[in-house]
Amino acid sequence: MHPEIEKFFRERGQNIERLSSNSKAAKDAIDFIVDTAPEKYSYNFTWMGIPIIQFPQDMVAMQEIIWQVKPDLIIETGVAHGGSLVFSASMLELLGGNGHVLGIDIDIREHNRIEIEKHPMSKRITMIQGSSIDAGTVAQVKEFATGYKNILVFLDSNHTHDHVKNELECYSPFVTQGSYLVVFDTVIEDMPGNFYPDRPWGKGNNPKTAVHEFIRENKDFVIDESIPQKILITVAPDGYLKRVKA
């Protein structure tokens, strides 16, 4: 690497370290999420024409991870409109090779399936309809994943503690050393009390509480704090888990 580029990354690291101790910026980031949630800010974006219900900051982080890890299989729980599947598939297309995306959802709605299947990136996408934690679904995923060498996992389905903890136990074995298991919507724990009155999840019962329990029990993964520290506005604080042991 050229010395000037090394200098850039060194300075960037110092900037992120300073940012990590900026409590006002961290509070402002949460305030932004709280203030924009009623207008469904995360619904405002598409990827290659398909709605992707994510924050742009997390999309950039996902791009960095995919480019760094260079997976040949990305497993995603939670399909919705399919924007995340198309996003992952497009990154694999840029990487070249035969990389594939496997999406799992308990209810893949017909109109969404049609849009995904007619998309140019559909050649890299396979979908399984079923509960992500059902033994039969996990068995299908295991069979599909056979032969893949470098696997990345995104979890973004039901956000209750028990469901996410179950997903972590089911899907963490697929993640290869050096790759990531990303758990979305951990930010629920940081939102005001009773912020989700019509949902089965909320403070004390959400993906972040599941992640913390999982990390206490599983020493093969660590929370990569540098990612939320640098993007600040994220739905996944403490949700970027890196596999450090095989």
C-alpha atoms as a PDB file:
ATOM      1  CA  MET A   1       0.000   0.000   0.000  1.00  0.00           C
ATOM      2  CA  HIS A   2       1.268   3.468  -0.913  1.00  0.00           C
ATOM      3  CA  PRO A   3       2.451   5.494   2.114  1.00  0.00           C
ATOM      4  CA  GLU A   4      -0.099   8.242   1.395  1.00  0.00           C
ATOM      5  CA  ILE A   5      -2.927   5.710   1.463  1.00  0.00           C
ATOM      6  CA  GLU A   6      -1.553   4.221   4.682  1.00  0.00           C
ATOM      7  CA  LYS A   7      -1.520   7.752   6.111  1.00  0.00           C
ATOM      8  CA  PHE A   8      -5.155   8.249   5.100  1.00  0.00           C
ATOM      9  CA  PHE A   9      -6.290   5.080   6.854  1.00  0.00           C
ATOM     10  CA  ARG A  10      -4.210   5.891   9.931  1.00  0.00           C
ATOM     11  CA  GLU A  11      -5.809   9.342  10.180  1.00  0.00           C
ATOM     12  CA  ARG A  12      -9.243   7.845   9.568  1.00  0.00           C
ATOM     13  CA  GLY A  13      -8.713   5.473  12.478  1.00  0.00           C
ATOM     14  CA  GLN A  14      -7.809   8.400  14.719  1.00  0.00           C
ATOM     15  CA  ASN A  15     -10.931  10.275  13.595  1.00  0.00           C
ATOM     16  CA  ILE A  16     -13.140   7.277  14.384  1.00  0.00           C
ATOM     17  CA  GLU A  17     -11.514   6.895  17.799  1.00  0.00           C
ATOM     18  CA  ARG A  18     -12.293  10.526  18.618  1.00  0.00           C
ATOM     19  CA  LEU A  19     -15.817  10.113  17.293  1.00  0.00           C
ATOM     20  CA  SER A  20     -16.352   7.081  19.540  1.00  0.00           C
ATOM     21  CA  SER A  21     -15.964   9.304  22.624  1.00  0.00           C
ATOM     22  CA  ASN A  22     -18.250  12.055  21.319  1.00  0.00           C
ATOM     23  CA  SER A  23     -21.268  11.511  23.552  1.00  0.00           C
ATOM     24  CA  LYS A  24     -23.223  14.387  22.001  1.00  0.00           C
ATOM     25  CA  ALA A  25     -22.876  12.914  18.512  1.00  0.00           C
ATOM     26  CA  ALA A  26     -24.007   9.516  19.834  1.00  0.00           C
ATOM     27  CA  LYS A  27     -27.064  11.096  21.474  1.00  0.00           C
ATOM     28  CA  ASP A  28     -27.824  13.091  18.323  1.00  0.00           C
ATOM     29  CA  ALA A  29     -27.700   9.855  16.301  1.00  0.00           C
ATOM     30  CA  ILE A  30     -30.301   8.184  18.538  1.00  0.00           C
ATOM     31  CA  ASP A  31     -32.394  11.347  18.515  1.00  0.00           C
ATOM     32  CA  PHE A  32     -32.332  11.296  14.717  1.00  0.00           C
ATOM     33  CA  ILE A  33     -33.598   7.708  14.670  1.00  0.00           C
ATOM     34  CA  VAL A  34     -36.342   8.515  17.191  1.00  0.00           C
ATOM     35  CA  ASP A  35     -37.393  11.693  15.378  1.00  0.00           C
ATOM     36  CA  THR A  36     -37.558  10.112  11.912  1.00  0.00           C
ATOM     37  CA  ALA A  37     -39.138   6.784  12.903  1.00  0.00           C
ATOM     38  CA  PRO A  38     -42.757   8.051  12.745  1.00  0.00           C
ATOM     39  CA  GLU A  39     -42.189   8.968   9.065  1.00  0.00           C
ATOM     40  CA  LYS A  40     -40.575   5.562   8.394  1.00  0.00           C
ATOM     41  CA  TYR A  41     -37.266   7.088   7.269  1.00  0.00           C
ATOM     42  CA  SER A  42     -35.732   3.677   6.583  1.00  0.00           C
ATOM     43  CA  TYR A  43     -38.433   3.013   3.959  1.00  0.00           C
ATOM     44  CA  ASN A  44     -37.217   5.895   1.772  1.00  0.00           C
ATOM     45  CA  PHE A  45     -34.563   4.037  -0.195  1.00  0.00           C
ATOM     46  CA  THR A  46     -34.210   1.509  -2.995  1.00  0.00           C
ATOM     47  CA  TRP A  47     -31.327  -0.550  -4.321  1.00  0.00           C
ATOM     48  CA  MET A  48     -31.360  -1.084  -8.081  1.00  0.00           C
ATOM     49  CA  GLY A  49     -35.067  -0.262  -8.083  1.00  0.00           C
ATOM     50  CA  ILE A  50     -36.127  -2.550  -5.209  1.00  0.00           C
ATOM     51  CA  PRO A  51     -37.144  -1.135  -1.784  1.00  0.00           C
ATOM     52  CA  ILE A  52     -34.461  -1.781   0.824  1.00  0.00           C
ATOM     53  CA  ILE A  53     -35.639  -1.058   4.353  1.00  0.00           C
ATOM     54  CA  GLN A  54     -32.267  -0.031   5.758  1.00  0.00           C
ATOM     55  CA  PHE A  55     -30.424   3.126   6.745  1.00  0.00           C
ATOM     56  CA  PRO A  56     -27.920   4.298   4.087  1.00  0.00           C
ATOM     57  CA  GLN A  57     -25.173   4.227   6.734  1.00  0.00           C
ATOM     58  CA  ASP A  58     -25.739   0.520   7.378  1.00  0.00           C
ATOM     59  CA  MET A  59     -25.820  -0.136   3.636  1.00  0.00           C
ATOM     60  CA  VAL A  60     -22.361   1.418   3.341  1.00  0.00           C
ATOM     61  CA  ALA A  61     -21.152  -0.720   6.253  1.00  0.00           C
ATOM     62  CA  MET A  62     -22.600  -3.852   4.613  1.00  0.00           C
ATOM     63  CA  GLN A  63     -20.796  -2.940   1.380  1.00  0.00           C
ATOM     64  CA  GLU A  64     -17.494  -2.592   3.224  1.00  0.00           C
ATOM     65  CA  ILE A  65     -17.968  -5.952   4.950  1.00  0.00           C
ATOM     66  CA  ILE A  66     -18.863  -7.786   1.734  1.00  0.00           C
ATOM     67  CA  TRP A  67     -15.902  -6.305  -0.109  1.00  0.00           C
ATOM     68  CA  GLN A  68     -13.568  -7.158   2.782  1.00  0.00           C
ATOM     69  CA  VAL A  69     -14.843 -10.692   3.442  1.00  0.00           C
ATOM     70  CA  LYS A  70     -15.507 -11.608  -0.207  1.00  0.00           C
ATOM     71  CA  PRO A  71     -18.059 -14.305   0.689  1.00  0.00           C
ATOM     72  CA  ASP A  72     -19.230 -16.881  -1.810  1.00  0.00           C
ATOM     73  CA  LEU A  73     -22.534 -17.251   0.074  1.00  0.00           C
ATOM     74  CA  ILE A  74     -24.599 -14.656   1.928  1.00  0.00           C
ATOM     75  CA  ILE A  75     -27.475 -15.996   4.051  1.00  0.00           C
ATOM     76  CA  GLU A  76     -30.210 -13.513   4.966  1.00  0.00           C
ATOM     77  CA  THR A  77     -33.227 -14.011   7.221  1.00  0.00           C
ATOM     78  CA  GLY A  78     -36.033 -11.591   6.441  1.00  0.00           C
ATOM     79  CA  VAL A  79     -36.834 -10.863   2.790  1.00  0.00           C
ATOM     80  CA  ALA A  80     -39.586  -8.174   2.791  1.00  0.00           C
ATOM     81  CA  HIS A  81     -39.433  -6.435  -0.616  1.00  0.00           C
ATOM     82  CA  GLY A  82     -36.088  -8.045  -1.417  1.00  0.00           C
ATOM     83  CA  GLY A  83     -33.882  -4.962  -1.608  1.00  0.00           C
ATOM     84  CA  SER A  84     -31.270  -6.403   0.721  1.00  0.00           C
ATOM     85  CA  LEU A  85     -31.106  -9.613  -1.337  1.00  0.00           C
ATOM     86  CA  VAL A  86     -30.574  -7.560  -4.499  1.00  0.00           C
ATOM     87  CA  PHE A  87     -27.996  -5.395  -2.698  1.00  0.00           C
ATOM     88  CA  SER A  88     -25.996  -8.454  -1.614  1.00  0.00           C
ATOM     89  CA  ALA A  89     -26.326 -10.080  -5.024  1.00  0.00           C
ATOM     90  CA  SER A  90     -25.079  -6.932  -6.767  1.00  0.00           C
ATOM     91  CA  MET A  91     -22.017  -6.841  -4.524  1.00  0.00           C
ATOM     92  CA  LEU A  92     -21.301 -10.479  -5.331  1.00  0.00           C
ATOM     93  CA  GLU A  93     -21.695  -9.624  -9.017  1.00  0.00           C
ATOM     94  CA  LEU A  94     -18.996  -6.964  -8.636  1.00  0.00           C
ATOM     95  CA  LEU A  95     -16.743  -9.449  -6.873  1.00  0.00           C
ATOM     96  CA  GLY A  96     -17.125 -11.903  -9.749  1.00  0.00           C
ATOM     97  CA  GLY A  97     -17.195 -15.662  -9.389  1.00  0.00           C
ATOM     98  CA  ASN A  98     -20.260 -17.710  -8.504  1.00  0.00           C
ATOM     99  CA  GLY A  99     -21.313 -16.052  -5.250  1.00  0.00           C
ATOM    100  CA  HIS A 100     -24.929 -16.545  -4.224  1.00  0.00           C
ATOM    101  CA  VAL A 101     -27.504 -15.101  -1.812  1.00  0.00           C
ATOM    102  CA  LEU A 102     -29.962 -17.274   0.113  1.00  0.00           C
ATOM    103  CA  GLY A 103     -32.986 -15.454   1.546  1.00  0.00           C
ATOM    104  CA  ILE A 104     -35.320 -16.959   4.156  1.00  0.00           C
ATOM    105  CA  ASP A 105     -38.696 -15.588   5.211  1.00  0.00           C
ATOM    106  CA  ILE A 106     -41.799 -17.060   6.815  1.00  0.00           C
ATOM    107  CA  ASP A 107     -43.976 -15.191   4.287  1.00  0.00           C
ATOM    108  CA  ILE A 108     -42.519 -14.245   0.895  1.00  0.00           C
ATOM    109  CA  ARG A 109     -45.370 -12.256  -0.576  1.00  0.00           C
ATOM    110  CA  GLU A 110     -46.209 -13.036  -4.172  1.00  0.00           C
ATOM    111  CA  HIS A 111     -45.845  -9.468  -5.472  1.00  0.00           C
ATOM    112  CA  ASN A 112     -42.398  -9.208  -3.860  1.00  0.00           C
ATOM    113  CA  ARG A 113     -41.311 -12.594  -5.204  1.00  0.00           C
ATOM    114  CA  ILE A 114     -42.334 -11.553  -8.718  1.00  0.00           C
ATOM    115  CA  GLU A 115     -40.253  -8.355  -8.545  1.00  0.00           C
ATOM    116  CA  ILE A 116     -37.221 -10.192  -7.153  1.00  0.00           C
ATOM    117  CA  GLU A 117     -37.394 -13.017  -9.689  1.00  0.00           C
ATOM    118  CA  LYS A 118     -37.585 -10.676 -12.685  1.00  0.00           C
ATOM    119  CA  HIS A 119     -34.651  -8.555 -11.455  1.00  0.00           C
ATOM    120  CA  PRO A 120     -31.290  -8.896 -13.282  1.00  0.00           C
ATOM    121  CA  MET A 121     -29.667  -9.952  -9.987  1.00  0.00           C
ATOM    122  CA  SER A 122     -32.107 -12.841  -9.501  1.00  0.00           C
ATOM    123  CA  LYS A 123     -29.564 -15.157 -11.108  1.00  0.00           C
ATOM    124  CA  ARG A 124     -27.646 -14.971  -7.824  1.00  0.00           C
ATOM    125  CA  ILE A 125     -30.663 -15.258  -5.494  1.00  0.00           C
ATOM    126  CA  THR A 126     -32.479 -18.272  -4.048  1.00  0.00           C
ATOM    127  CA  MET A 127     -35.360 -17.969  -1.579  1.00  0.00           C
ATOM    128  CA  ILE A 128     -36.768 -20.377   1.003  1.00  0.00           C
ATOM    129  CA  GLN A 129     -40.201 -19.764   2.505  1.00  0.00           C
ATOM    130  CA  GLY A 130     -40.469 -20.911   6.102  1.00  0.00           C
ATOM    131  CA  SER A 131     -39.667 -19.865   9.645  1.00  0.00           C
ATOM    132  CA  SER A 132     -35.945 -19.165   9.920  1.00  0.00           C
ATOM    133  CA  ILE A 133     -35.780 -21.147  13.174  1.00  0.00           C
ATOM    134  CA  ASP A 134     -37.815 -24.156  12.033  1.00  0.00           C
ATOM    135  CA  ALA A 135     -35.675 -27.306  12.018  1.00  0.00           C
ATOM    136  CA  GLY A 136     -36.801 -28.125   8.474  1.00  0.00           C
ATOM    137  CA  THR A 137     -35.824 -24.682   7.202  1.00  0.00           C
ATOM    138  CA  VAL A 138     -32.418 -24.825   8.881  1.00  0.00           C
ATOM    139  CA  ALA A 139     -31.876 -28.269   7.349  1.00  0.00           C
ATOM    140  CA  GLN A 140     -32.617 -26.815   3.896  1.00  0.00           C
ATOM    141  CA  VAL A 141     -30.124 -24.008   4.533  1.00  0.00           C
ATOM    142  CA  LYS A 142     -27.487 -26.504   5.656  1.00  0.00           C
ATOM    143  CA  GLU A 143     -27.980 -28.552   2.507  1.00  0.00           C
ATOM    144  CA  PHE A 144     -27.821 -25.463   0.300  1.00  0.00           C
ATOM    145  CA  ALA A 145     -24.675 -24.163   2.029  1.00  0.00           C
ATOM    146  CA  THR A 146     -22.756 -27.388   1.455  1.00  0.00           C
ATOM    147  CA  GLY A 147     -19.675 -26.685  -0.620  1.00  0.00           C
ATOM    148  CA  TYR A 148     -19.492 -22.957   0.053  1.00  0.00           C
ATOM    149  CA  LYS A 149     -16.211 -21.887   1.640  1.00  0.00           C
ATOM    150  CA  ASN A 150     -16.764 -18.336   2.897  1.00  0.00           C
ATOM    151  CA  ILE A 151     -20.152 -17.475   4.392  1.00  0.00           C
ATOM    152  CA  LEU A 152     -21.631 -14.205   5.684  1.00  0.00           C
ATOM    153  CA  VAL A 153     -24.966 -14.009   7.562  1.00  0.00           C
ATOM    154  CA  PHE A 154     -27.475 -11.170   8.010  1.00  0.00           C
ATOM    155  CA  LEU A 155     -30.331 -11.604  10.522  1.00  0.00           C
ATOM    156  CA  ASP A 156     -33.328  -9.314  10.038  1.00  0.00           C
ATOM    157  CA  SER A 157     -36.618 -11.118  10.659  1.00  0.00           C
ATOM    158  CA  ASN A 158     -38.665 -11.322  13.879  1.00  0.00           C
ATOM    159  CA  HIS A 159     -37.035  -9.001  16.443  1.00  0.00           C
ATOM    160  CA  THR A 160     -37.983 -10.645  19.755  1.00  0.00           C
ATOM    161  CA  HIS A 161     -35.211 -11.792  22.083  1.00  0.00           C
ATOM    162  CA  ASP A 162     -36.141 -15.477  21.893  1.00  0.00           C
ATOM    163  CA  HIS A 163     -36.429 -15.542  18.102  1.00  0.00           C
ATOM    164  CA  VAL A 164     -33.135 -13.753  17.507  1.00  0.00           C
ATOM    165  CA  LYS A 165     -31.322 -15.857  20.120  1.00  0.00           C
ATOM    166  CA  ASN A 166     -32.638 -18.951  18.342  1.00  0.00           C
ATOM    167  CA  GLU A 167     -31.470 -17.562  14.984  1.00  0.00           C
ATOM    168  CA  LEU A 168     -28.036 -16.827  16.423  1.00  0.00           C
ATOM    169  CA  GLU A 169     -27.727 -20.421  17.598  1.00  0.00           C
ATOM    170  CA  CYS A 170     -29.004 -21.803  14.273  1.00  0.00           C
ATOM    171  CA  TYR A 171     -27.005 -19.611  11.875  1.00  0.00           C
ATOM    172  CA  SER A 172     -23.766 -18.788  13.694  1.00  0.00           C
ATOM    173  CA  PRO A 173     -22.291 -22.205  12.756  1.00  0.00           C
ATOM    174  CA  PHE A 174     -22.499 -21.221   9.073  1.00  0.00           C
ATOM    175  CA  VAL A 175     -20.306 -18.132   9.540  1.00  0.00           C
ATOM    176  CA  THR A 176     -16.692 -18.740   8.580  1.00  0.00           C
ATOM    177  CA  GLN A 177     -13.719 -17.402  10.545  1.00  0.00           C
ATOM    178  CA  GLY A 178     -13.017 -13.759   9.686  1.00  0.00           C
ATOM    179  CA  SER A 179     -16.544 -13.245   8.376  1.00  0.00           C
ATOM    180  CA  TYR A 180     -19.504 -11.541  10.041  1.00  0.00           C
ATOM    181  CA  LEU A 181     -22.877 -12.299  11.537  1.00  0.00           C
ATOM    182  CA  VAL A 182     -24.834  -9.031  11.396  1.00  0.00           C
ATOM    183  CA  VAL A 183     -27.912  -8.634  13.601  1.00  0.00           C
ATOM    184  CA  PHE A 184     -30.166  -5.753  12.598  1.00  0.00           C
ATOM    185  CA  ASP A 185     -32.533  -3.665  14.752  1.00  0.00           C
ATOM    186  CA  THR A 186     -30.507  -3.976  17.948  1.00  0.00           C
ATOM    187  CA  VAL A 187     -31.277  -0.245  18.261  1.00  0.00           C
ATOM    188  CA  ILE A 188     -34.682  -1.215  19.691  1.00  0.00           C
ATOM    189  CA  GLU A 189     -32.995  -1.504  23.086  1.00  0.00           C
ATOM    190  CA  ASP A 190     -31.850   2.135  22.871  1.00  0.00           C
ATOM    191  CA  MET A 191     -35.234   3.590  21.952  1.00  0.00           C
ATOM    192  CA  PRO A 192     -37.622   5.163  24.484  1.00  0.00           C
ATOM    193  CA  GLY A 193     -39.835   2.836  26.519  1.00  0.00           C
ATOM    194  CA  ASN A 194     -43.081   1.745  24.876  1.00  0.00           C
ATOM    195  CA  PHE A 195     -41.800   2.919  21.471  1.00  0.00           C
ATOM    196  CA  TYR A 196     -43.264  -0.180  19.798  1.00  0.00           C
ATOM    197  CA  PRO A 197     -46.706  -0.577  21.436  1.00  0.00           C
ATOM    198  CA  ASP A 198     -48.085  -2.689  18.567  1.00  0.00           C
ATOM    199  CA  ARG A 199     -45.082  -5.045  18.360  1.00  0.00           C
ATOM    200  CA  PRO A 200     -44.079  -8.083  20.440  1.00  0.00           C
ATOM    201  CA  TRP A 201     -40.598  -6.617  20.978  1.00  0.00           C
ATOM    202  CA  GLY A 202     -39.345  -3.598  22.899  1.00  0.00           C
ATOM    203  CA  LYS A 203     -36.855  -2.525  25.556  1.00  0.00           C
ATOM    204  CA  GLY A 204     -35.528  -5.621  27.332  1.00  0.00           C
ATOM    205  CA  ASN A 205     -36.840  -7.965  24.619  1.00  0.00           C
ATOM    206  CA  ASN A 206     -35.079  -7.399  21.302  1.00  0.00           C
ATOM    207  CA  PRO A 207     -32.109  -8.314  19.103  1.00  0.00           C
ATOM    208  CA  LYS A 208     -29.560  -6.487  21.285  1.00  0.00           C
ATOM    209  CA  THR A 209     -30.535  -8.392  24.425  1.00  0.00           C
ATOM    210  CA  ALA A 210     -30.235 -11.607  22.385  1.00  0.00           C
ATOM    211  CA  VAL A 211     -26.806 -10.572  21.060  1.00  0.00           C
ATOM    212  CA  HIS A 212     -25.481  -9.826  24.540  1.00  0.00           C
ATOM    213  CA  GLU A 213     -26.648 -13.208  25.824  1.00  0.00           C
ATOM    214  CA  PHE A 214     -25.167 -14.950  22.785  1.00  0.00           C
ATOM    215  CA  ILE A 215     -21.806 -13.201  23.168  1.00  0.00           C
ATOM    216  CA  ARG A 216     -21.620 -14.175  26.848  1.00  0.00           C
ATOM    217  CA  GLU A 217     -22.081 -17.815  25.871  1.00  0.00           C
ATOM    218  CA  ASN A 218     -20.094 -17.917  22.615  1.00  0.00           C
ATOM    219  CA  LYS A 219     -16.460 -16.862  22.546  1.00  0.00           C
ATOM    220  CA  ASP A 220     -16.074 -17.523  18.812  1.00  0.00           C
ATOM    221  CA  PHE A 221     -17.589 -14.101  18.073  1.00  0.00           C
ATOM    222  CA  VAL A 222     -16.838 -10.563  19.209  1.00  0.00           C
ATOM    223  CA  ILE A 223     -18.783  -7.339  18.735  1.00  0.00           C
ATOM    224  CA  ASP A 224     -16.974  -5.166  16.183  1.00  0.00           C
ATOM    225  CA  GLU A 225     -17.555  -1.798  17.838  1.00  0.00           C
ATOM    226  CA  SER A 226     -15.607   0.113  15.179  1.00  0.00           C
ATOM    227  CA  ILE A 227     -18.435  -0.133  12.643  1.00  0.00           C
ATOM    228  CA  PRO A 228     -21.219   1.566  14.658  1.00  0.00           C
ATOM    229  CA  GLN A 229     -18.627   4.023  15.980  1.00  0.00           C
ATOM    230  CA  LYS A 230     -17.795   5.270  12.501  1.00  0.00           C
ATOM    231  CA  ILE A 231     -21.271   5.296  10.937  1.00  0.00           C
ATOM    232  CA  LEU A 232     -23.019   6.588  14.118  1.00  0.00           C
ATOM    233  CA  ILE A 233     -26.545   6.429  12.685  1.00  0.00           C
ATOM    234  CA  THR A 234     -27.262   2.701  12.652  1.00  0.00           C
ATOM    235  CA  VAL A 235     -30.046   0.260  13.393  1.00  0.00           C
ATOM    236  CA  ALA A 236     -27.412  -2.266  14.497  1.00  0.00           C
ATOM    237  CA  PRO A 237     -25.394  -0.977  17.486  1.00  0.00           C
ATOM    238  CA  ASP A 238     -23.580  -4.005  18.954  1.00  0.00           C
ATOM    239  CA  GLY A 239     -25.011  -5.968  16.020  1.00  0.00           C
ATOM    240  CA  TYR A 240     -21.886  -6.354  13.881  1.00  0.00           C
ATOM    241  CA  LEU A 241     -20.427  -9.628  15.131  1.00  0.00           C
ATOM    242  CA  LYS A 242     -17.135 -10.899  13.764  1.00  0.00           C
ATOM    243  CA  ARG A 243     -16.125 -14.554  13.970  1.00  0.00           C
ATOM    244  CA  VAL A 244     -12.618 -14.648  15.434  1.00  0.00           C
ATOM    245  CA  LYS A 245     -12.333 -18.396  16.107  1.00  0.00           C
ATOM    246  CA  ALA A 246     -13.131 -21.370  13.890  1.00  0.00           C
END
